[in-house]
C-alpha cells in the first residue's frame, strides 16, 4: 500500500497579511468543526461515538482558544474574524 503525502506550505514564505489571513481561516474552520462536533454529539447513540465527539469538541475549543489568543497578539480583532467569516460564506454560497 502506497501512502500519499501532501506537501504543506511553509509559513515562513508567507507575508504578514497572508499569515493573518491564514489565522482567520483557521479560526473559521475550527468554529465550523466545533459546531459539527456539537451537532453530531447530540445525535450520537453509541458510547464510543459520544466519547469521540466529546474529544472533538474539547480539541476544537482548545484550538479556537489558541488561535484567538494568537490573533489578539497580532492585533486581529474578533469582529474582523466574524466579518471575514461572513465574506467567505458569501463567496461559497
PDB file of N, CA and C in Angstrom:
ATOM      1  N   UNK A   1       0.847  -1.179   0.000  1.00  0.00           N
ATOM      2  CA  UNK A   1       0.000   0.000   0.000  1.00  0.00           C
ATOM      3  C   UNK A   1       0.894   1.245   0.000  1.00  0.00           C
ATOM      4  N   UNK A   2       0.636   2.110  -0.936  1.00  0.00           N
ATOM      5  CA  UNK A   2       1.428   3.322  -1.060  1.00  0.00           C
ATOM      6  C   UNK A   2       0.682   4.486  -0.414  1.00  0.00           C
ATOM      7  N   UNK A   3       1.380   5.197   0.450  1.00  0.00           N
ATOM      8  CA  UNK A   3       0.760   6.343   1.113  1.00  0.00           C
ATOM      9  C   UNK A   3       1.079   7.605   0.337  1.00  0.00           C
ATOM     10  N   UNK A   4       0.134   8.515   0.354  1.00  0.00           N
ATOM     11  CA  UNK A   4       0.311   9.774  -0.351  1.00  0.00           C
ATOM     12  C   UNK A   4       0.417  10.896   0.678  1.00  0.00           C
ATOM     13  N   UNK A   5       1.418  11.719   0.547  1.00  0.00           N
ATOM     14  CA  UNK A   5       1.623  12.817   1.468  1.00  0.00           C
ATOM     15  C   UNK A   5       1.453  14.137   0.734  1.00  0.00           C
ATOM     16  N   UNK A   6       0.808  15.062   1.371  1.00  0.00           N
ATOM     17  CA  UNK A   6       0.589  16.379   0.798  1.00  0.00           C
ATOM     18  C   UNK A   6       1.617  17.327   1.383  1.00  0.00           C
ATOM     19  N   UNK A   7       2.313  18.026   0.527  1.00  0.00           N
ATOM     20  CA  UNK A   7       3.313  18.982   0.985  1.00  0.00           C
ATOM     21  C   UNK A   7       2.615  20.227   1.508  1.00  0.00           C
ATOM     22  N   UNK A   8       2.954  20.599   2.719  1.00  0.00           N
ATOM     23  CA  UNK A   8       2.383  21.808   3.300  1.00  0.00           C
ATOM     24  C   UNK A   8       3.270  22.997   2.949  1.00  0.00           C
ATOM     25  N   UNK A   9       2.629  24.142   2.790  1.00  0.00           N
ATOM     26  CA  UNK A   9       3.386  25.353   2.504  1.00  0.00           C
ATOM     27  C   UNK A   9       4.091  25.818   3.771  1.00  0.00           C
ATOM     28  N   UNK A  10       5.275  26.323   3.600  1.00  0.00           N
ATOM     29  CA  UNK A  10       5.998  26.868   4.743  1.00  0.00           C
ATOM     30  C   UNK A  10       5.419  28.229   5.093  1.00  0.00           C
ATOM     31  N   UNK A  11       5.130  28.406   6.364  1.00  0.00           N
ATOM     32  CA  UNK A  11       4.569  29.683   6.801  1.00  0.00           C
ATOM     33  C   UNK A  11       5.616  30.800   6.711  1.00  0.00           C
ATOM     34  N   UNK A  12       6.883  30.427   6.719  1.00  0.00           N
ATOM     35  CA  UNK A  12       7.973  31.408   6.620  1.00  0.00           C
ATOM     36  C   UNK A  12       7.899  32.140   5.288  1.00  0.00           C
ATOM     37  N   UNK A  13       7.457  31.450   4.245  1.00  0.00           N
ATOM     38  CA  UNK A  13       7.416  32.032   2.909  1.00  0.00           C
ATOM     39  C   UNK A  13       6.229  32.971   2.699  1.00  0.00           C
ATOM     40  N   UNK A  14       5.406  33.171   3.696  1.00  0.00           N
ATOM     41  CA  UNK A  14       4.204  33.989   3.549  1.00  0.00           C
ATOM     42  C   UNK A  14       4.433  35.394   4.088  1.00  0.00           C
ATOM     43  N   UNK A  15       3.697  36.346   3.514  1.00  0.00           N
ATOM     44  CA  UNK A  15       3.742  37.719   4.001  1.00  0.00           C
ATOM     45  C   UNK A  15       2.934  37.812   5.299  1.00  0.00           C
ATOM     46  N   UNK A  16       3.062  38.924   5.999  1.00  0.00           N
ATOM     47  CA  UNK A  16       2.306  39.112   7.243  1.00  0.00           C
ATOM     48  C   UNK A  16       0.802  39.076   6.967  1.00  0.00           C
ATOM     49  N   UNK A  17       0.388  39.668   5.862  1.00  0.00           N
ATOM     50  CA  UNK A  17      -1.031  39.653   5.502  1.00  0.00           C
ATOM     51  C   UNK A  17      -1.511  38.228   5.294  1.00  0.00           C
ATOM     52  N   UNK A  18      -0.723  37.431   4.585  1.00  0.00           N
ATOM     53  CA  UNK A  18      -1.091  36.036   4.333  1.00  0.00           C
ATOM     54  C   UNK A  18      -1.128  35.228   5.624  1.00  0.00           C
ATOM     55  N   UNK A  19      -0.214  35.526   6.542  1.00  0.00           N
ATOM     56  CA  UNK A  19      -0.213  34.848   7.840  1.00  0.00           C
ATOM     57  C   UNK A  19      -1.475  35.198   8.630  1.00  0.00           C
ATOM     58  N   UNK A  20      -1.842  36.483   8.626  1.00  0.00           N
ATOM     59  CA  UNK A  20      -3.061  36.912   9.315  1.00  0.00           C
ATOM     60  C   UNK A  20      -4.293  36.264   8.694  1.00  0.00           C
ATOM     61  N   UNK A  21      -4.317  36.222   7.367  1.00  0.00           N
ATOM     62  CA  UNK A  21      -5.437  35.596   6.659  1.00  0.00           C
ATOM     63  C   UNK A  21      -5.531  34.111   7.006  1.00  0.00           C
ATOM     64  N   UNK A  22      -4.391  33.457   7.126  1.00  0.00           N
ATOM     65  CA  UNK A  22      -4.359  32.035   7.475  1.00  0.00           C
ATOM     66  C   UNK A  22      -4.912  31.803   8.889  1.00  0.00           C
ATOM     67  N   UNK A  23      -4.577  32.693   9.814  1.00  0.00           N
ATOM     68  CA  UNK A  23      -5.108  32.590  11.178  1.00  0.00           C
ATOM     69  C   UNK A  23      -6.630  32.715  11.151  1.00  0.00           C
ATOM     70  N   UNK A  24      -7.125  33.693  10.413  1.00  0.00           N
ATOM     71  CA  UNK A  24      -8.575  33.904  10.324  1.00  0.00           C
ATOM     72  C   UNK A  24      -9.262  32.685   9.725  1.00  0.00           C
ATOM     73  N   UNK A  25      -8.715  32.168   8.644  1.00  0.00           N
ATOM     74  CA  UNK A  25      -9.302  30.984   8.001  1.00  0.00           C
ATOM     75  C   UNK A  25      -9.313  29.789   8.953  1.00  0.00           C
ATOM     76  N   UNK A  26      -8.237  29.628   9.721  1.00  0.00           N
ATOM     77  CA  UNK A  26      -8.172  28.513  10.668  1.00  0.00           C
ATOM     78  C   UNK A  26      -9.180  28.669  11.803  1.00  0.00           C
ATOM     79  N   UNK A  27      -9.400  29.890  12.256  1.00  0.00           N
ATOM     80  CA  UNK A  27     -10.407  30.126  13.293  1.00  0.00           C
ATOM     81  C   UNK A  27     -11.792  29.777  12.756  1.00  0.00           C
ATOM     82  N   UNK A  28     -12.088  30.229  11.554  1.00  0.00           N
ATOM     83  CA  UNK A  28     -13.391  29.954  10.946  1.00  0.00           C
ATOM     84  C   UNK A  28     -13.593  28.457  10.780  1.00  0.00           C
ATOM     85  N   UNK A  29     -12.573  27.762  10.294  1.00  0.00           N
ATOM     86  CA  UNK A  29     -12.677  26.309  10.105  1.00  0.00           C
ATOM     87  C   UNK A  29     -12.866  25.598  11.440  1.00  0.00           C
ATOM     88  N   UNK A  30     -12.122  26.012  12.457  1.00  0.00           N
ATOM     89  CA  UNK A  30     -12.244  25.382  13.778  1.00  0.00           C
ATOM     90  C   UNK A  30     -13.634  25.625  14.368  1.00  0.00           C
ATOM     91  N   UNK A  31     -14.194  26.824  14.139  1.00  0.00           N
ATOM     92  CA  UNK A  31     -15.548  27.109  14.621  1.00  0.00           C
ATOM     93  C   UNK A  31     -16.566  26.205  13.943  1.00  0.00           C
ATOM     94  N   UNK A  32     -16.412  26.001  12.642  1.00  0.00           N
ATOM     95  CA  UNK A  32     -17.328  25.102  11.909  1.00  0.00           C
ATOM     96  C   UNK A  32     -17.170  23.664  12.385  1.00  0.00           C
ATOM     97  N   UNK A  33     -15.915  23.243  12.576  1.00  0.00           N
ATOM     98  CA  UNK A  33     -15.663  21.882  13.063  1.00  0.00           C
ATOM     99  C   UNK A  33     -16.264  21.681  14.451  1.00  0.00           C
ATOM    100  N   UNK A  34     -16.163  22.701  15.295  1.00  0.00           N
ATOM    101  CA  UNK A  34     -16.733  22.631  16.638  1.00  0.00           C
ATOM    102  C   UNK A  34     -18.258  22.501  16.567  1.00  0.00           C
ATOM    103  N   UNK A  35     -18.867  23.291  15.724  1.00  0.00           N
ATOM    104  CA  UNK A  35     -20.330  23.228  15.581  1.00  0.00           C
ATOM    105  C   UNK A  35     -20.774  21.859  15.060  1.00  0.00           C
ATOM    106  N   UNK A  36     -20.038  21.324  14.089  1.00  0.00           N
ATOM    107  CA  UNK A  36     -20.367  19.992  13.563  1.00  0.00           C
ATOM    108  C   UNK A  36     -20.215  18.922  14.640  1.00  0.00           C
ATOM    109  N   UNK A  37     -19.160  19.013  15.437  1.00  0.00           N
ATOM    110  CA  UNK A  37     -18.951  18.035  16.510  1.00  0.00           C
ATOM    111  C   UNK A  37     -20.076  18.124  17.543  1.00  0.00           C
ATOM    112  N   UNK A  38     -20.516  19.339  17.849  1.00  0.00           N
ATOM    113  CA  UNK A  38     -21.621  19.502  18.800  1.00  0.00           C
ATOM    114  C   UNK A  38     -22.917  18.905  18.262  1.00  0.00           C
ATOM    115  N   UNK A  39     -23.190  19.130  16.980  1.00  0.00           N
ATOM    116  CA  UNK A  39     -24.396  18.567  16.375  1.00  0.00           C
ATOM    117  C   UNK A  39     -24.328  17.041  16.358  1.00  0.00           C
ATOM    118  N   UNK A  40     -23.187  16.503  15.975  1.00  0.00           N
ATOM    119  CA  UNK A  40     -23.028  15.050  15.941  1.00  0.00           C
ATOM    120  C   UNK A  40     -23.122  14.443  17.332  1.00  0.00           C
ATOM    121  N   UNK A  41     -22.618  15.159  18.331  1.00  0.00           N
ATOM    122  CA  UNK A  41     -22.701  14.695  19.718  1.00  0.00           C
ATOM    123  C   UNK A  41     -24.161  14.538  20.140  1.00  0.00           C
ATOM    124  N   UNK A  42     -24.995  15.476  19.739  1.00  0.00           N
ATOM    125  CA  UNK A  42     -26.412  15.438  20.102  1.00  0.00           C
ATOM    126  C   UNK A  42     -27.118  14.192  19.575  1.00  0.00           C
ATOM    127  N   UNK A  43     -26.663  13.704  18.434  1.00  0.00           N
ATOM    128  CA  UNK A  43     -27.328  12.563  17.804  1.00  0.00           C
ATOM    129  C   UNK A  43     -26.569  11.243  17.966  1.00  0.00           C
ATOM    130  N   UNK A  44     -25.446  11.263  18.643  1.00  0.00           N
ATOM    131  CA  UNK A  44     -24.674  10.034  18.835  1.00  0.00           C
ATOM    132  C   UNK A  44     -25.416   9.100  19.778  1.00  0.00           C
ATOM    133  N   UNK A  45     -25.511   7.841  19.389  1.00  0.00           N
ATOM    134  CA  UNK A  45     -26.234   6.871  20.205  1.00  0.00           C
ATOM    135  C   UNK A  45     -25.320   5.800  20.763  1.00  0.00           C
ATOM    136  N   UNK A  46     -24.126   5.735  20.281  1.00  0.00           N
ATOM    137  CA  UNK A  46     -23.154   4.753  20.723  1.00  0.00           C
ATOM    138  C   UNK A  46     -22.183   5.440  21.685  1.00  0.00           C
ATOM    139  N   UNK A  47     -21.852   4.799  22.795  1.00  0.00           N
ATOM    140  CA  UNK A  47     -20.968   5.415  23.789  1.00  0.00           C
ATOM    141  C   UNK A  47     -19.601   5.766  23.202  1.00  0.00           C
ATOM    142  N   UNK A  48     -19.112   4.922  22.291  1.00  0.00           N
ATOM    143  CA  UNK A  48     -17.832   5.229  21.654  1.00  0.00           C
ATOM    144  C   UNK A  48     -17.902   6.518  20.839  1.00  0.00           C
ATOM    145  N   UNK A  49     -19.020   6.717  20.142  1.00  0.00           N
ATOM    146  CA  UNK A  49     -19.196   7.947  19.373  1.00  0.00           C
ATOM    147  C   UNK A  49     -19.361   9.151  20.283  1.00  0.00           C
ATOM    148  N   UNK A  50     -20.051   8.980  21.396  1.00  0.00           N
ATOM    149  CA  UNK A  50     -20.192  10.066  22.371  1.00  0.00           C
ATOM    150  C   UNK A  50     -18.812  10.491  22.860  1.00  0.00           C
ATOM    151  N   UNK A  51     -17.987   9.530  23.216  1.00  0.00           N
ATOM    152  CA  UNK A  51     -16.625   9.838  23.666  1.00  0.00           C
ATOM    153  C   UNK A  51     -15.825  10.539  22.576  1.00  0.00           C
ATOM    154  N   UNK A  52     -15.975  10.056  21.357  1.00  0.00           N
ATOM    155  CA  UNK A  52     -15.256  10.650  20.226  1.00  0.00           C
ATOM    156  C   UNK A  52     -15.652  12.105  20.033  1.00  0.00           C
ATOM    157  N   UNK A  53     -16.945  12.384  20.051  1.00  0.00           N
ATOM    158  CA  UNK A  53     -17.392  13.757  19.832  1.00  0.00           C
ATOM    159  C   UNK A  53     -17.047  14.669  21.007  1.00  0.00           C
ATOM    160  N   UNK A  54     -17.019  14.136  22.204  1.00  0.00           N
ATOM    161  CA  UNK A  54     -16.546  14.931  23.348  1.00  0.00           C
ATOM    162  C   UNK A  54     -15.093  15.331  23.123  1.00  0.00           C
ATOM    163  N   UNK A  55     -14.299  14.370  22.673  1.00  0.00           N
ATOM    164  CA  UNK A  55     -12.887  14.651  22.368  1.00  0.00           C
ATOM    165  C   UNK A  55     -12.791  15.725  21.284  1.00  0.00           C
ATOM    166  N   UNK A  56     -13.591  15.595  20.213  1.00  0.00           N
ATOM    167  CA  UNK A  56     -13.570  16.563  19.125  1.00  0.00           C
ATOM    168  C   UNK A  56     -13.970  17.961  19.601  1.00  0.00           C
ATOM    169  N   UNK A  57     -14.983  18.029  20.453  1.00  0.00           N
ATOM    170  CA  UNK A  57     -15.426  19.315  20.985  1.00  0.00           C
ATOM    171  C   UNK A  57     -14.314  19.967  21.792  1.00  0.00           C
ATOM    172  N   UNK A  58     -13.700  19.202  22.686  1.00  0.00           N
ATOM    173  CA  UNK A  58     -12.616  19.753  23.504  1.00  0.00           C
ATOM    174  C   UNK A  58     -11.427  20.176  22.653  1.00  0.00           C
ATOM    175  N   UNK A  59     -11.073  19.360  21.669  1.00  0.00           N
ATOM    176  CA  UNK A  59      -9.927  19.669  20.805  1.00  0.00           C
ATOM    177  C   UNK A  59     -10.185  20.937  19.995  1.00  0.00           C
ATOM    178  N   UNK A  60     -11.362  21.051  19.416  1.00  0.00           N
ATOM    179  CA  UNK A  60     -11.667  22.239  18.621  1.00  0.00           C
ATOM    180  C   UNK A  60     -11.770  23.488  19.480  1.00  0.00           C
ATOM    181  N   UNK A  61     -12.319  23.359  20.683  1.00  0.00           N
ATOM    182  CA  UNK A  61     -12.396  24.524  21.568  1.00  0.00           C
ATOM    183  C   UNK A  61     -10.999  24.994  21.965  1.00  0.00           C
ATOM    184  N   UNK A  62     -10.111  24.053  22.240  1.00  0.00           N
ATOM    185  CA  UNK A  62      -8.729  24.409  22.575  1.00  0.00           C
ATOM    186  C   UNK A  62      -8.042  25.081  21.393  1.00  0.00           C
ATOM    187  N   UNK A  63      -8.289  24.572  20.206  1.00  0.00           N
ATOM    188  CA  UNK A  63      -7.695  25.154  19.003  1.00  0.00           C
ATOM    189  C   UNK A  63      -8.193  26.580  18.802  1.00  0.00           C
ATOM    190  N   UNK A  64      -9.501  26.792  18.971  1.00  0.00           N
ATOM    191  CA  UNK A  64     -10.065  28.130  18.828  1.00  0.00           C
ATOM    192  C   UNK A  64      -9.469  29.075  19.868  1.00  0.00           C
ATOM    193  N   UNK A  65      -9.385  28.627  21.111  1.00  0.00           N
ATOM    194  CA  UNK A  65      -8.813  29.468  22.171  1.00  0.00           C
ATOM    195  C   UNK A  65      -7.388  29.891  21.825  1.00  0.00           C
ATOM    196  N   UNK A  66      -6.583  28.935  21.351  1.00  0.00           N
ATOM    197  CA  UNK A  66      -5.199  29.232  20.984  1.00  0.00           C
ATOM    198  C   UNK A  66      -5.141  30.225  19.823  1.00  0.00           C
ATOM    199  N   UNK A  67      -5.935  29.972  18.780  1.00  0.00           N
ATOM    200  CA  UNK A  67      -5.894  30.837  17.601  1.00  0.00           C
ATOM    201  C   UNK A  67      -6.395  32.246  17.906  1.00  0.00           C
ATOM    202  N   UNK A  68      -7.399  32.364  18.759  1.00  0.00           N
ATOM    203  CA  UNK A  68      -7.887  33.693  19.139  1.00  0.00           C
ATOM    204  C   UNK A  68      -6.826  34.442  19.953  1.00  0.00           C
ATOM    205  N   UNK A  69      -6.157  33.724  20.830  1.00  0.00           N
ATOM    206  CA  UNK A  69      -5.074  34.353  21.596  1.00  0.00           C
ATOM    207  C   UNK A  69      -3.974  34.834  20.645  1.00  0.00           C
ATOM    208  N   UNK A  70      -3.642  34.014  19.655  1.00  0.00           N
ATOM    209  CA  UNK A  70      -2.642  34.379  18.657  1.00  0.00           C
ATOM    210  C   UNK A  70      -3.109  35.577  17.840  1.00  0.00           C
ATOM    211  N   UNK A  71      -4.384  35.570  17.450  1.00  0.00           N
ATOM    212  CA  UNK A  71      -4.934  36.674  16.672  1.00  0.00           C
ATOM    213  C   UNK A  71      -4.905  37.979  17.466  1.00  0.00           C
ATOM    214  N   UNK A  72      -5.282  37.921  18.731  1.00  0.00           N
ATOM    215  CA  UNK A  72      -5.265  39.129  19.564  1.00  0.00           C
ATOM    216  C   UNK A  72      -3.854  39.665  19.717  1.00  0.00           C
ATOM    217  N   UNK A  73      -2.882  38.775  19.852  1.00  0.00           N
ATOM    218  CA  UNK A  73      -1.482  39.202  19.981  1.00  0.00           C
ATOM    219  C   UNK A  73      -1.000  39.902  18.714  1.00  0.00           C
ATOM    220  N   UNK A  74      -1.568  39.528  17.567  1.00  0.00           N
ATOM    221  CA  UNK A  74      -1.191  40.142  16.301  1.00  0.00           C
ATOM    222  C   UNK A  74      -2.069  41.348  15.963  1.00  0.00           C
ATOM    223  N   UNK A  75      -3.053  41.647  16.813  1.00  0.00           N
ATOM    224  CA  UNK A  75      -3.914  42.800  16.585  1.00  0.00           C
ATOM    225  C   UNK A  75      -5.093  42.516  15.674  1.00  0.00           C
ATOM    226  N   UNK A  76      -5.410  41.242  15.481  1.00  0.00           N
ATOM    227  CA  UNK A  76      -6.585  40.865  14.702  1.00  0.00           C
ATOM    228  C   UNK A  76      -7.738  40.758  15.682  1.00  0.00           C
ATOM    229  N   UNK A  77      -8.790  41.522  15.462  1.00  0.00           N
ATOM    230  CA  UNK A  77      -9.894  41.541  16.396  1.00  0.00           C
ATOM    231  C   UNK A  77     -10.989  40.570  15.988  1.00  0.00           C
ATOM    232  N   UNK A  78     -11.731  40.093  16.958  1.00  0.00           N
ATOM    233  CA  UNK A  78     -12.759  39.078  16.730  1.00  0.00           C
ATOM    234  C   UNK A  78     -13.817  39.567  15.754  1.00  0.00           C
ATOM    235  N   UNK A  79     -14.191  40.838  15.822  1.00  0.00           N
ATOM    236  CA  UNK A  79     -15.211  41.328  14.896  1.00  0.00           C
ATOM    237  C   UNK A  79     -14.718  41.245  13.456  1.00  0.00           C
ATOM    238  N   UNK A  80     -13.411  41.402  13.235  1.00  0.00           N
ATOM    239  CA  UNK A  80     -12.852  41.251  11.895  1.00  0.00           C
ATOM    240  C   UNK A  80     -12.952  39.801  11.448  1.00  0.00           C
ATOM    241  N   UNK A  81     -12.773  38.882  12.381  1.00  0.00           N
ATOM    242  CA  UNK A  81     -12.881  37.464  12.059  1.00  0.00           C
ATOM    243  C   UNK A  81     -14.309  37.123  11.684  1.00  0.00           C
ATOM    244  N   UNK A  82     -15.274  37.647  12.422  1.00  0.00           N
ATOM    245  CA  UNK A  82     -16.676  37.395  12.104  1.00  0.00           C
ATOM    246  C   UNK A  82     -17.041  37.978  10.747  1.00  0.00           C
ATOM    247  N   UNK A  83     -16.518  39.174  10.431  1.00  0.00           N
ATOM    248  CA  UNK A  83     -16.766  39.772   9.129  1.00  0.00           C
ATOM    249  C   UNK A  83     -16.142  38.921   8.027  1.00  0.00           C
ATOM    250  N   UNK A  84     -14.940  38.415   8.263  1.00  0.00           N
ATOM    251  CA  UNK A  84     -14.274  37.568   7.278  1.00  0.00           C
ATOM    252  C   UNK A  84     -15.058  36.281   7.064  1.00  0.00           C
ATOM    253  N   UNK A  85     -15.619  35.740   8.130  1.00  0.00           N
ATOM    254  CA  UNK A  85     -16.420  34.515   8.028  1.00  0.00           C
ATOM    255  C   UNK A  85     -17.632  34.754   7.149  1.00  0.00           C
ATOM    256  N   UNK A  86     -18.287  35.885   7.328  1.00  0.00           N
ATOM    257  CA  UNK A  86     -19.470  36.216   6.522  1.00  0.00           C
ATOM    258  C   UNK A  86     -19.070  36.373   5.052  1.00  0.00           C
ATOM    259  N   UNK A  87     -17.949  37.035   4.800  1.00  0.00           N
ATOM    260  CA  UNK A  87     -17.489  37.233   3.413  1.00  0.00           C
ATOM    261  C   UNK A  87     -17.157  35.896   2.767  1.00  0.00           C
ATOM    262  N   UNK A  88     -16.510  34.991   3.497  1.00  0.00           N
ATOM    263  CA  UNK A  88     -16.171  33.693   2.957  1.00  0.00           C
ATOM    264  C   UNK A  88     -17.424  32.865   2.682  1.00  0.00           C
ATOM    265  N   UNK A  89     -18.440  32.980   3.548  1.00  0.00           N
ATOM    266  CA  UNK A  89     -19.691  32.258   3.327  1.00  0.00           C
ATOM    267  C   UNK A  89     -20.407  32.797   2.084  1.00  0.00           C
ATOM    268  N   UNK A  90     -20.343  34.116   1.881  1.00  0.00           N
ATOM    269  CA  UNK A  90     -20.973  34.710   0.707  1.00  0.00           C
ATOM    270  C   UNK A  90     -20.332  34.206  -0.572  1.00  0.00           C
ATOM    271  N   UNK A  91     -19.004  34.056  -0.561  1.00  0.00           N
ATOM    272  CA  UNK A  91     -18.297  33.528  -1.740  1.00  0.00           C
ATOM    273  C   UNK A  91     -18.681  32.088  -2.006  1.00  0.00           C
ATOM    274  N   UNK A  92     -18.820  31.299  -0.945  1.00  0.00           N
ATOM    275  CA  UNK A  92     -19.130  29.873  -1.094  1.00  0.00           C
ATOM    276  C   UNK A  92     -20.569  29.668  -1.546  1.00  0.00           C
ATOM    277  N   UNK A  93     -21.456  30.533  -1.110  1.00  0.00           N
ATOM    278  CA  UNK A  93     -22.885  30.344  -1.343  1.00  0.00           C
ATOM    279  C   UNK A  93     -23.389  30.953  -2.566  1.00  0.00           C
TER     280      UNK A  93
END
